[in-house]
Amino acid sequence: MELRKDLLMQVDGMTCDGCVQAVTKVIRRLDSKADVEVDLAHGRVRIETTASSLELSDALTKAGYTAHAMTG
């Protein structure tokens, strides 16, 4: 079993609930069991996942967002 970690990421470019859904979908493509909490007002996403912060950042960037890990 892979180790799950709690990551906090800054994701710029999210402007609406559609963005929240898109970001959540991108993350769940990498880890279908990820626990995702999006703070749209502050552009932050908390993720409990087995994926690495680099994998998540790359996937979110490809989806059109600017993302970087604040932890992890």
Protein backbone atom coordinates (compact mmCIF):
# COMPACT_ATOMS: atom_id res chain seq x y z
CA MET A 1 0.00 0.00 0.00
CA GLU A 2 1.35 3.40 -0.98
CA LEU A 3 1.84 6.05 1.65
CA ARG A 4 -0.75 8.82 1.59
CA LYS A 5 0.44 12.34 2.30
CA ASP A 6 -1.26 15.63 2.99
CA LEU A 7 -0.27 18.32 0.49
CA LEU A 8 -1.18 21.98 0.27
CA MET A 9 -0.89 23.57 -3.15
CA GLN A 10 -1.32 27.09 -4.46
CA VAL A 11 -3.34 26.87 -7.69
CA ASP A 12 -3.70 30.14 -9.59
CA GLY A 13 -6.26 30.61 -12.33
CA MET A 14 -9.29 29.15 -10.55
CA THR A 15 -12.18 31.60 -10.86
CA CYS A 16 -15.42 29.63 -10.44
CA ASP A 17 -17.05 26.37 -9.37
CA GLY A 18 -16.31 24.94 -12.82
CA CYS A 19 -12.61 25.44 -12.10
CA VAL A 20 -13.01 23.69 -8.75
CA GLN A 21 -14.57 20.70 -10.51
CA ALA A 22 -11.88 20.69 -13.21
CA VAL A 23 -9.04 20.82 -10.67
CA THR A 24 -10.64 18.04 -8.63
CA LYS A 25 -11.02 15.90 -11.78
CA VAL A 26 -7.36 16.41 -12.76
CA ILE A 27 -6.20 15.37 -9.28
CA ARG A 28 -8.47 12.31 -9.21
CA ARG A 29 -7.08 11.15 -12.56
CA LEU A 30 -3.74 10.73 -10.78
CA ASP A 31 -5.26 9.27 -7.59
CA SER A 32 -8.91 8.20 -7.78
CA LYS A 33 -9.11 8.02 -3.99
CA ALA A 34 -7.60 11.45 -3.32
CA ASP A 35 -9.35 13.61 -0.75
CA VAL A 36 -9.52 17.09 -2.32
CA GLU A 37 -10.56 20.33 -0.60
CA VAL A 38 -10.51 23.49 -2.70
CA ASP A 39 -10.41 26.98 -1.18
CA LEU A 40 -11.44 29.01 -4.22
CA ALA A 41 -11.17 32.38 -2.46
CA HIS A 42 -7.48 31.84 -1.62
CA GLY A 43 -6.53 29.63 -4.58
CA ARG A 44 -5.42 26.79 -2.34
CA VAL A 45 -6.03 23.08 -2.64
CA ARG A 46 -5.49 20.58 0.18
CA ILE A 47 -5.00 17.04 -1.08
CA GLU A 48 -4.57 13.76 0.75
CA THR A 49 -3.03 11.55 -1.90
CA THR A 50 -0.43 9.01 -2.94
CA ALA A 51 0.59 11.22 -5.90
CA SER A 52 3.66 13.43 -5.61
CA SER A 53 3.46 17.22 -5.53
CA LEU A 54 5.46 17.29 -8.78
CA GLU A 55 2.98 14.96 -10.53
CA LEU A 56 0.07 17.10 -9.32
CA SER A 57 1.75 20.37 -10.29
CA ASP A 58 2.56 19.06 -13.79
CA ALA A 59 -0.99 17.77 -14.34
CA LEU A 60 -2.59 21.01 -13.15
CA THR A 61 -0.22 23.08 -15.30
CA LYS A 62 -1.17 20.99 -18.36
CA ALA A 63 -4.83 21.68 -17.51
CA GLY A 64 -4.15 25.43 -17.71
CA TYR A 65 -3.52 26.39 -14.10
CA THR A 66 -0.39 27.64 -12.38
CA ALA A 67 0.28 25.27 -9.50
CA HIS A 68 3.03 24.78 -6.95
CA ALA A 69 3.31 22.92 -3.69
CA MET A 70 3.25 24.86 -0.47
CA THR A 71 4.02 21.68 1.51
CA GLY A 72 5.19 18.17 0.77
